[in-house]
């Protein structure tokens, strides 16, 4: 299902799943100052890092063209498995960190996932723009409605995203 009703379904779905953890991480942080800067940095880095990941993935698929789908599938599956096995003992912190540093920590996974998406040749522009928009929206939701979200550990959201990435990896490996 490449193009349905005017929307790039694969790219939008992939972008939403890979940015979902922003809600969990930012909702668990104690951010008193610099919320707007954190939201903007998160959106920016969730566009820059996937761009770099896509370029790396496209470059890799050029050299590994015979088995780039298999390699991409294995990478996505391993990232999903990592999300399932991730320790949920995340503690909130009140230490002062730069919004750019927090945004980088939240966005770094976007690079590794995008390497796989570059290997299977998703539409780079749609995915990167969608990642930025989802990151902006999810960061805003997490920082504005954190008390109403009721997120204690984010375990269920991480498990869901991990399972979806494993499924996407299996599908990619089979093509």
N, C-alpha and C. Protein backbone atom coordinates (compact mmCIF):
# COMPACT_ATOMS: atom_id res chain seq x y z
N UNK A 1 0.85 -1.17 0.00
CA UNK A 1 0.00 0.00 0.00
C UNK A 1 0.90 1.23 0.00
N UNK A 2 1.19 1.74 -1.14
CA UNK A 2 2.15 2.83 -1.28
C UNK A 2 1.49 4.19 -1.17
N UNK A 3 0.41 4.38 -1.87
CA UNK A 3 -0.24 5.68 -1.92
C UNK A 3 -1.73 5.46 -1.83
N UNK A 4 -2.36 5.98 -0.80
CA UNK A 4 -3.80 5.73 -0.62
C UNK A 4 -4.52 7.03 -0.29
N UNK A 5 -5.41 7.43 -1.17
CA UNK A 5 -6.24 8.59 -0.89
C UNK A 5 -5.49 9.88 -0.71
N UNK A 6 -4.36 10.04 -1.35
CA UNK A 6 -3.61 11.28 -1.23
C UNK A 6 -2.59 11.31 -0.10
N UNK A 7 -2.48 10.25 0.66
CA UNK A 7 -1.53 10.23 1.77
C UNK A 7 -0.50 9.12 1.58
N UNK A 8 0.68 9.39 1.96
CA UNK A 8 1.75 8.37 1.95
C UNK A 8 1.64 7.60 3.25
N UNK A 9 0.90 6.53 3.23
CA UNK A 9 0.53 5.78 4.43
C UNK A 9 1.75 5.19 5.13
N UNK A 10 2.64 4.54 4.39
CA UNK A 10 3.81 3.91 5.02
C UNK A 10 4.68 4.93 5.73
N UNK A 11 4.93 6.06 5.09
CA UNK A 11 5.80 7.08 5.66
C UNK A 11 5.17 7.73 6.89
N UNK A 12 3.87 8.03 6.82
CA UNK A 12 3.18 8.65 7.95
C UNK A 12 3.11 7.69 9.14
N UNK A 13 2.82 6.43 8.86
CA UNK A 13 2.76 5.44 9.93
C UNK A 13 4.14 5.26 10.57
N UNK A 14 5.16 5.12 9.74
CA UNK A 14 6.53 4.94 10.26
C UNK A 14 6.96 6.15 11.08
N UNK A 15 6.66 7.34 10.61
CA UNK A 15 7.04 8.55 11.35
C UNK A 15 6.32 8.64 12.69
N UNK A 16 5.05 8.29 12.71
CA UNK A 16 4.30 8.36 13.98
C UNK A 16 4.83 7.35 14.99
N UNK A 17 5.14 6.15 14.54
CA UNK A 17 5.64 5.12 15.46
C UNK A 17 7.02 5.48 16.00
N UNK A 18 7.90 5.99 15.12
CA UNK A 18 9.27 6.28 15.56
C UNK A 18 9.37 7.53 16.42
N UNK A 19 8.35 8.38 16.42
CA UNK A 19 8.39 9.57 17.27
C UNK A 19 7.51 9.43 18.51
N UNK A 20 6.84 8.31 18.65
CA UNK A 20 5.92 8.09 19.76
C UNK A 20 6.62 8.17 21.12
N UNK A 21 7.86 7.74 21.20
CA UNK A 21 8.56 7.74 22.49
C UNK A 21 8.82 9.14 23.02
N UNK A 22 8.67 10.17 22.18
CA UNK A 22 8.84 11.55 22.64
C UNK A 22 7.84 11.85 23.74
N UNK A 23 6.61 11.37 23.59
CA UNK A 23 5.59 11.61 24.61
C UNK A 23 6.04 11.02 25.94
N UNK A 24 6.53 9.80 25.90
CA UNK A 24 6.93 9.12 27.13
C UNK A 24 8.09 9.85 27.81
N UNK A 25 9.14 10.10 27.04
CA UNK A 25 10.35 10.69 27.63
C UNK A 25 10.07 12.09 28.17
N UNK A 26 9.44 12.93 27.38
CA UNK A 26 9.21 14.30 27.82
C UNK A 26 8.18 14.39 28.94
N UNK A 27 7.21 13.49 28.97
CA UNK A 27 6.22 13.49 30.05
C UNK A 27 6.85 13.08 31.38
N UNK A 28 7.92 12.33 31.33
CA UNK A 28 8.58 11.90 32.56
C UNK A 28 9.60 12.91 33.08
N UNK A 29 9.96 13.89 32.26
CA UNK A 29 10.92 14.90 32.68
C UNK A 29 10.25 16.04 33.43
N UNK A 30 10.98 16.65 34.33
CA UNK A 30 10.53 17.86 35.00
C UNK A 30 11.12 19.04 34.24
N UNK A 31 10.36 19.61 33.35
CA UNK A 31 10.84 20.75 32.57
C UNK A 31 10.09 21.98 33.05
N UNK A 32 10.82 22.90 33.64
CA UNK A 32 10.20 24.11 34.15
C UNK A 32 10.43 25.30 33.22
N UNK A 33 11.60 25.36 32.61
CA UNK A 33 11.94 26.46 31.72
C UNK A 33 12.36 25.91 30.37
N UNK A 34 12.17 26.72 29.35
CA UNK A 34 12.63 26.36 28.01
C UNK A 34 11.76 25.34 27.30
N UNK A 35 10.48 25.27 27.63
CA UNK A 35 9.59 24.30 26.99
C UNK A 35 9.47 24.56 25.49
N UNK A 36 9.30 25.82 25.12
CA UNK A 36 9.17 26.14 23.70
C UNK A 36 10.44 25.77 22.95
N UNK A 37 11.59 26.11 23.51
CA UNK A 37 12.87 25.76 22.87
C UNK A 37 13.01 24.24 22.75
N UNK A 38 12.60 23.51 23.77
CA UNK A 38 12.67 22.05 23.73
C UNK A 38 11.78 21.48 22.63
N UNK A 39 10.59 22.01 22.48
CA UNK A 39 9.68 21.56 21.43
C UNK A 39 10.28 21.81 20.05
N UNK A 40 10.81 23.01 19.83
CA UNK A 40 11.40 23.36 18.53
C UNK A 40 12.63 22.51 18.24
N UNK A 41 13.53 22.36 19.24
CA UNK A 41 14.73 21.54 19.05
C UNK A 41 14.35 20.09 18.75
N UNK A 42 13.35 19.57 19.44
CA UNK A 42 12.93 18.19 19.22
C UNK A 42 12.42 18.00 17.80
N UNK A 43 11.61 18.94 17.33
CA UNK A 43 11.09 18.85 15.96
C UNK A 43 12.22 18.96 14.94
N UNK A 44 13.13 19.90 15.16
CA UNK A 44 14.26 20.09 14.24
C UNK A 44 15.15 18.85 14.17
N UNK A 45 15.51 18.33 15.32
CA UNK A 45 16.39 17.16 15.35
C UNK A 45 15.69 15.90 14.84
N UNK A 46 14.36 15.84 14.96
CA UNK A 46 13.63 14.71 14.40
C UNK A 46 13.43 14.85 12.91
N UNK A 47 13.95 15.90 12.34
CA UNK A 47 14.02 16.03 10.88
C UNK A 47 15.46 15.86 10.41
N UNK A 48 16.41 16.45 11.15
CA UNK A 48 17.82 16.38 10.77
C UNK A 48 18.37 14.95 10.89
N UNK A 49 18.14 14.31 12.02
CA UNK A 49 18.69 12.96 12.23
C UNK A 49 18.10 11.93 11.26
N UNK A 50 16.78 11.97 10.99
CA UNK A 50 16.28 11.05 9.96
C UNK A 50 16.86 11.34 8.58
N UNK A 51 17.11 12.60 8.26
CA UNK A 51 17.75 12.91 6.98
C UNK A 51 19.12 12.25 6.90
N UNK A 52 19.90 12.39 7.95
CA UNK A 52 21.22 11.75 7.99
C UNK A 52 21.10 10.23 7.95
N UNK A 53 20.11 9.69 8.65
CA UNK A 53 19.88 8.25 8.63
C UNK A 53 19.48 7.76 7.26
N UNK A 54 18.61 8.51 6.59
CA UNK A 54 18.19 8.14 5.23
C UNK A 54 19.38 8.13 4.29
N UNK A 55 20.20 9.16 4.37
CA UNK A 55 21.36 9.24 3.48
C UNK A 55 22.30 8.06 3.74
N UNK A 56 22.49 7.73 5.00
CA UNK A 56 23.33 6.58 5.35
C UNK A 56 22.72 5.28 4.82
N UNK A 57 21.40 5.14 4.99
CA UNK A 57 20.71 3.93 4.51
C UNK A 57 20.76 3.80 3.00
N UNK A 58 20.54 4.92 2.29
CA UNK A 58 20.60 4.89 0.83
C UNK A 58 22.01 4.55 0.36
N UNK A 59 23.00 5.12 1.04
CA UNK A 59 24.40 4.84 0.71
C UNK A 59 24.70 3.36 0.95
N UNK A 60 24.23 2.83 2.07
CA UNK A 60 24.46 1.43 2.40
C UNK A 60 23.77 0.50 1.42
N UNK A 61 22.54 0.86 1.01
CA UNK A 61 21.81 -0.01 0.10
C UNK A 61 22.47 -0.06 -1.28
N UNK A 62 23.19 0.99 -1.62
CA UNK A 62 23.94 0.99 -2.88
C UNK A 62 25.00 -0.10 -2.85
N UNK A 63 25.70 -0.23 -1.72
CA UNK A 63 26.75 -1.23 -1.60
C UNK A 63 26.23 -2.63 -1.28
N UNK A 64 25.11 -2.68 -0.59
CA UNK A 64 24.55 -3.96 -0.18
C UNK A 64 23.21 -4.20 -0.88
N UNK A 65 23.11 -3.82 -2.14
CA UNK A 65 21.83 -3.83 -2.85
C UNK A 65 21.17 -5.21 -2.88
N UNK A 66 21.95 -6.26 -2.92
CA UNK A 66 21.36 -7.60 -3.01
C UNK A 66 20.61 -8.02 -1.75
N UNK A 67 21.03 -7.51 -0.61
CA UNK A 67 20.35 -7.92 0.61
C UNK A 67 20.04 -6.73 1.52
N UNK A 68 19.78 -5.54 0.93
CA UNK A 68 19.47 -4.36 1.74
C UNK A 68 18.14 -4.50 2.46
N UNK A 69 17.13 -5.15 1.84
CA UNK A 69 15.86 -5.34 2.54
C UNK A 69 16.02 -6.25 3.74
N UNK A 70 16.82 -7.31 3.60
CA UNK A 70 17.08 -8.20 4.72
C UNK A 70 17.81 -7.46 5.84
N UNK A 71 18.85 -6.71 5.48
CA UNK A 71 19.61 -5.95 6.46
C UNK A 71 18.73 -4.92 7.15
N UNK A 72 17.90 -4.23 6.36
CA UNK A 72 16.97 -3.25 6.92
C UNK A 72 16.00 -3.92 7.89
N UNK A 73 15.48 -5.06 7.50
CA UNK A 73 14.55 -5.79 8.36
C UNK A 73 15.18 -6.21 9.67
N UNK A 74 16.41 -6.69 9.60
CA UNK A 74 17.12 -7.10 10.81
C UNK A 74 17.35 -5.90 11.72
N UNK A 75 17.77 -4.77 11.14
CA UNK A 75 17.99 -3.56 11.95
C UNK A 75 16.70 -3.10 12.62
N UNK A 76 15.60 -3.03 11.87
CA UNK A 76 14.33 -2.62 12.46
C UNK A 76 13.89 -3.59 13.55
N UNK A 77 14.05 -4.89 13.30
CA UNK A 77 13.70 -5.88 14.31
C UNK A 77 14.51 -5.73 15.58
N UNK A 78 15.80 -5.48 15.43
CA UNK A 78 16.66 -5.31 16.61
C UNK A 78 16.31 -4.03 17.38
N UNK A 79 15.99 -2.97 16.67
CA UNK A 79 15.58 -1.73 17.35
C UNK A 79 14.27 -1.97 18.11
N UNK A 80 13.33 -2.69 17.47
CA UNK A 80 12.08 -3.03 18.14
C UNK A 80 12.32 -3.89 19.37
N UNK A 81 13.20 -4.88 19.25
CA UNK A 81 13.53 -5.74 20.38
C UNK A 81 14.16 -4.93 21.51
N UNK A 82 15.03 -4.00 21.16
CA UNK A 82 15.64 -3.12 22.16
C UNK A 82 14.56 -2.33 22.91
N UNK A 83 13.56 -1.85 22.17
CA UNK A 83 12.47 -1.10 22.82
C UNK A 83 11.67 -1.99 23.77
N UNK A 84 11.48 -3.25 23.40
CA UNK A 84 10.75 -4.18 24.26
C UNK A 84 11.52 -4.51 25.53
N UNK A 85 12.84 -4.59 25.41
CA UNK A 85 13.67 -4.98 26.54
C UNK A 85 14.19 -3.80 27.35
N UNK A 86 13.89 -2.60 26.91
CA UNK A 86 14.42 -1.39 27.56
C UNK A 86 13.97 -1.33 29.01
N UNK A 87 14.90 -0.93 29.89
CA UNK A 87 14.62 -0.79 31.31
C UNK A 87 13.68 0.38 31.53
N UNK A 88 12.68 0.19 32.33
CA UNK A 88 11.69 1.23 32.58
C UNK A 88 11.91 1.96 33.89
N UNK A 89 13.11 1.91 34.42
CA UNK A 89 13.40 2.61 35.67
C UNK A 89 13.82 4.04 35.41
N UNK A 90 13.15 4.70 34.46
CA UNK A 90 13.46 6.08 34.14
C UNK A 90 12.98 6.95 35.28
N UNK A 91 13.85 7.73 35.82
CA UNK A 91 13.51 8.64 36.90
C UNK A 91 13.37 10.04 36.35
N UNK A 92 12.43 10.78 36.90
CA UNK A 92 12.34 12.17 36.49
C UNK A 92 13.51 12.92 37.09
N UNK A 93 13.90 13.97 36.44
CA UNK A 93 15.04 14.73 36.90
C UNK A 93 14.71 16.20 36.91
N UNK A 94 15.25 16.89 37.86
CA UNK A 94 15.04 18.32 37.91
C UNK A 94 16.34 19.06 37.61
N UNK A 95 17.39 18.30 37.26
CA UNK A 95 18.64 18.95 36.89
C UNK A 95 18.44 19.78 35.65
N UNK A 96 19.23 20.82 35.51
CA UNK A 96 19.09 21.69 34.36
C UNK A 96 19.95 21.19 33.21
N UNK A 97 19.30 20.85 32.13
CA UNK A 97 19.98 20.49 30.90
C UNK A 97 19.49 21.43 29.81
N UNK A 98 20.33 21.66 28.85
CA UNK A 98 19.96 22.49 27.72
C UNK A 98 18.83 21.82 26.95
N UNK A 99 17.85 22.61 26.46
CA UNK A 99 16.78 22.02 25.64
C UNK A 99 17.33 21.28 24.42
N UNK A 100 18.42 21.78 23.85
CA UNK A 100 19.02 21.12 22.68
C UNK A 100 19.57 19.74 23.07
N UNK A 101 20.17 19.63 24.24
CA UNK A 101 20.73 18.36 24.70
C UNK A 101 19.61 17.35 25.00
N UNK A 102 18.54 17.82 25.65
CA UNK A 102 17.41 16.93 25.92
C UNK A 102 16.80 16.48 24.60
N UNK A 103 16.62 17.40 23.65
CA UNK A 103 16.03 17.07 22.35
C UNK A 103 16.91 16.07 21.61
N UNK A 104 18.23 16.22 21.69
CA UNK A 104 19.13 15.27 21.04
C UNK A 104 18.97 13.88 21.64
N UNK A 105 18.88 13.81 22.95
CA UNK A 105 18.71 12.51 23.61
C UNK A 105 17.39 11.85 23.20
N UNK A 106 16.35 12.64 23.05
CA UNK A 106 15.04 12.12 22.66
C UNK A 106 15.03 11.70 21.19
N UNK A 107 15.82 12.37 20.37
CA UNK A 107 15.76 12.20 18.91
C UNK A 107 16.78 11.25 18.33
N UNK A 108 17.73 10.79 19.10
CA UNK A 108 18.85 10.01 18.56
C UNK A 108 18.39 8.69 17.93
N UNK A 109 17.32 8.10 18.44
CA UNK A 109 16.81 6.85 17.87
C UNK A 109 16.32 7.04 16.44
N UNK A 110 15.91 8.27 16.13
CA UNK A 110 15.40 8.54 14.78
C UNK A 110 16.47 8.28 13.72
N UNK A 111 17.72 8.48 14.06
CA UNK A 111 18.80 8.22 13.10
C UNK A 111 18.87 6.73 12.74
N UNK A 112 18.93 5.89 13.76
CA UNK A 112 19.11 4.46 13.49
C UNK A 112 17.91 3.86 12.76
N UNK A 113 16.71 4.29 13.12
CA UNK A 113 15.53 3.78 12.43
C UNK A 113 15.52 4.25 10.98
N UNK A 114 15.93 5.49 10.75
CA UNK A 114 15.92 6.06 9.40
C UNK A 114 16.94 5.40 8.48
N UNK A 115 18.00 4.85 9.04
CA UNK A 115 18.95 4.10 8.21
C UNK A 115 18.20 2.95 7.53
N UNK A 116 17.40 2.24 8.30
CA UNK A 116 16.61 1.14 7.73
C UNK A 116 15.61 1.64 6.71
N UNK A 117 14.95 2.75 7.01
CA UNK A 117 13.95 3.28 6.08
C UNK A 117 14.61 3.78 4.79
N UNK A 118 15.83 4.28 4.89
CA UNK A 118 16.57 4.67 3.69
C UNK A 118 16.93 3.47 2.84
N UNK A 119 17.21 2.35 3.49
CA UNK A 119 17.56 1.13 2.76
C UNK A 119 16.38 0.57 1.98
N UNK A 120 15.17 0.74 2.52
CA UNK A 120 14.00 0.21 1.81
C UNK A 120 13.33 1.29 0.97
N UNK A 121 13.96 2.43 0.89
CA UNK A 121 13.57 3.52 -0.01
C UNK A 121 12.17 4.07 0.24
N UNK A 122 11.85 4.34 1.51
CA UNK A 122 10.63 5.09 1.77
C UNK A 122 10.82 6.49 1.20
N UNK A 123 9.73 7.21 1.01
CA UNK A 123 9.81 8.58 0.50
C UNK A 123 10.45 9.46 1.57
N UNK A 124 11.67 9.87 1.31
CA UNK A 124 12.48 10.61 2.28
C UNK A 124 11.81 11.92 2.70
N UNK A 125 11.32 12.69 1.75
CA UNK A 125 10.76 14.00 2.06
C UNK A 125 9.51 13.88 2.93
N UNK A 126 8.61 13.00 2.54
CA UNK A 126 7.37 12.81 3.32
C UNK A 126 7.70 12.32 4.73
N UNK A 127 8.59 11.33 4.84
CA UNK A 127 8.93 10.78 6.15
C UNK A 127 9.57 11.85 7.05
N UNK A 128 10.50 12.61 6.52
CA UNK A 128 11.21 13.61 7.32
C UNK A 128 10.26 14.72 7.76
N UNK A 129 9.43 15.21 6.84
CA UNK A 129 8.45 16.24 7.22
C UNK A 129 7.46 15.70 8.25
N UNK A 130 6.99 14.49 8.05
CA UNK A 130 6.05 13.88 9.00
C UNK A 130 6.72 13.69 10.36
N UNK A 131 7.97 13.28 10.38
CA UNK A 131 8.69 13.12 11.65
C UNK A 131 8.78 14.44 12.40
N UNK A 132 9.07 15.50 11.68
CA UNK A 132 9.14 16.82 12.31
C UNK A 132 7.80 17.26 12.86
N UNK A 133 6.74 17.06 12.09
CA UNK A 133 5.40 17.45 12.54
C UNK A 133 4.96 16.61 13.74
N UNK A 134 5.14 15.29 13.64
CA UNK A 134 4.77 14.43 14.78
C UNK A 134 5.59 14.77 16.02
N UNK A 135 6.88 15.04 15.84
CA UNK A 135 7.73 15.40 16.98
C UNK A 135 7.25 16.69 17.63
N UNK A 136 6.90 17.66 16.81
CA UNK A 136 6.40 18.94 17.31
C UNK A 136 5.11 18.72 18.10
N UNK A 137 4.18 18.00 17.52
CA UNK A 137 2.88 17.75 18.17
C UNK A 137 3.05 16.92 19.44
N UNK A 138 3.83 15.84 19.35
CA UNK A 138 4.01 14.96 20.52
C UNK A 138 4.74 15.68 21.65
N UNK A 139 5.75 16.49 21.32
CA UNK A 139 6.47 17.24 22.36
C UNK A 139 5.53 18.25 23.02
N UNK A 140 4.72 18.92 22.23
CA UNK A 140 3.76 19.88 22.78
C UNK A 140 2.77 19.17 23.71
N UNK A 141 2.24 18.05 23.25
CA UNK A 141 1.28 17.29 24.07
C UNK A 141 1.93 16.85 25.37
N UNK A 142 3.13 16.31 25.29
CA UNK A 142 3.82 15.79 26.49
C UNK A 142 4.10 16.91 27.50
N UNK A 143 4.55 18.05 27.01
CA UNK A 143 4.92 19.13 27.93
C UNK A 143 3.72 19.93 28.41
N UNK A 144 2.66 19.97 27.64
CA UNK A 144 1.49 20.76 28.02
C UNK A 144 0.49 19.96 28.85
N UNK A 145 0.30 18.71 28.50
CA UNK A 145 -0.73 17.90 29.15
C UNK A 145 -0.16 16.76 29.97
N UNK A 146 1.07 16.91 30.43
CA UNK A 146 1.77 15.82 31.10
C UNK A 146 1.00 15.23 32.27
N UNK A 147 0.38 16.05 33.08
CA UNK A 147 -0.36 15.54 34.25
C UNK A 147 -1.62 14.79 33.83
N UNK A 148 -2.24 15.20 32.73
CA UNK A 148 -3.47 14.56 32.27
C UNK A 148 -3.20 13.26 31.51
N UNK A 149 -1.98 13.08 31.02
CA UNK A 149 -1.65 11.88 30.26
C UNK A 149 -1.56 10.64 31.15
N UNK A 150 -1.19 10.84 32.42
CA UNK A 150 -1.11 9.72 33.35
C UNK A 150 -0.01 8.72 33.02
N UNK A 151 1.05 9.17 32.40
CA UNK A 151 2.15 8.27 32.05
C UNK A 151 3.05 8.11 33.26
N UNK A 152 3.15 6.89 33.72
CA UNK A 152 4.01 6.59 34.87
C UNK A 152 5.37 6.07 34.44
N UNK A 153 5.36 5.15 33.47
CA UNK A 153 6.64 4.60 33.01
C UNK A 153 6.76 4.57 31.49
N UNK A 154 5.65 4.61 30.79
CA UNK A 154 5.68 4.55 29.34
C UNK A 154 5.92 3.16 28.79
N UNK A 155 5.84 2.17 29.66
CA UNK A 155 6.15 0.79 29.27
C UNK A 155 5.25 0.31 28.13
N UNK A 156 3.96 0.56 28.22
CA UNK A 156 3.02 0.08 27.20
C UNK A 156 3.27 0.74 25.84
N UNK A 157 3.55 2.03 25.85
CA UNK A 157 3.82 2.72 24.58
C UNK A 157 5.09 2.18 23.95
N UNK A 158 6.13 1.98 24.75
CA UNK A 158 7.39 1.43 24.23
C UNK A 158 7.18 0.01 23.70
N UNK A 159 6.40 -0.78 24.41
CA UNK A 159 6.13 -2.15 23.95
C UNK A 159 5.39 -2.13 22.61
N UNK A 160 4.39 -1.28 22.50
CA UNK A 160 3.64 -1.17 21.26
C UNK A 160 4.56 -0.77 20.11
N UNK A 161 5.36 0.28 20.32
CA UNK A 161 6.28 0.73 19.26
C UNK A 161 7.30 -0.35 18.92
N UNK A 162 7.79 -1.07 19.93
CA UNK A 162 8.74 -2.15 19.69
C UNK A 162 8.15 -3.27 18.85
N UNK A 163 6.93 -3.66 19.17
CA UNK A 163 6.27 -4.72 18.41
C UNK A 163 6.03 -4.28 16.97
N UNK A 164 5.60 -3.04 16.79
CA UNK A 164 5.36 -2.54 15.44
C UNK A 164 6.66 -2.51 14.64
N UNK A 165 7.76 -2.09 15.26
CA UNK A 165 9.04 -2.07 14.54
C UNK A 165 9.51 -3.48 14.18
N UNK A 166 9.27 -4.44 15.06
CA UNK A 166 9.62 -5.84 14.75
C UNK A 166 8.80 -6.32 13.56
N UNK A 167 7.50 -6.03 13.56
CA UNK A 167 6.64 -6.42 12.45
C UNK A 167 7.11 -5.76 11.15
N UNK A 168 7.42 -4.46 11.22
CA UNK A 168 7.91 -3.76 10.03
C UNK A 168 9.24 -4.38 9.55
N UNK A 169 10.08 -4.80 10.50
CA UNK A 169 11.34 -5.44 10.14
C UNK A 169 11.13 -6.77 9.44
N UNK A 170 10.19 -7.56 9.94
CA UNK A 170 9.89 -8.85 9.31
C UNK A 170 9.34 -8.63 7.90
N UNK A 171 8.43 -7.68 7.75
CA UNK A 171 7.86 -7.40 6.44
C UNK A 171 8.95 -6.92 5.47
N UNK A 172 9.84 -6.07 5.95
CA UNK A 172 10.93 -5.57 5.12
C UNK A 172 11.87 -6.69 4.71
N UNK A 173 12.19 -7.57 5.64
CA UNK A 173 13.11 -8.67 5.36
C UNK A 173 12.53 -9.66 4.34
N UNK A 174 11.21 -9.76 4.30
CA UNK A 174 10.57 -10.72 3.40
C UNK A 174 10.46 -10.20 1.97
N UNK A 175 10.65 -8.92 1.75
CA UNK A 175 10.54 -8.36 0.39
C UNK A 175 11.85 -8.43 -0.34
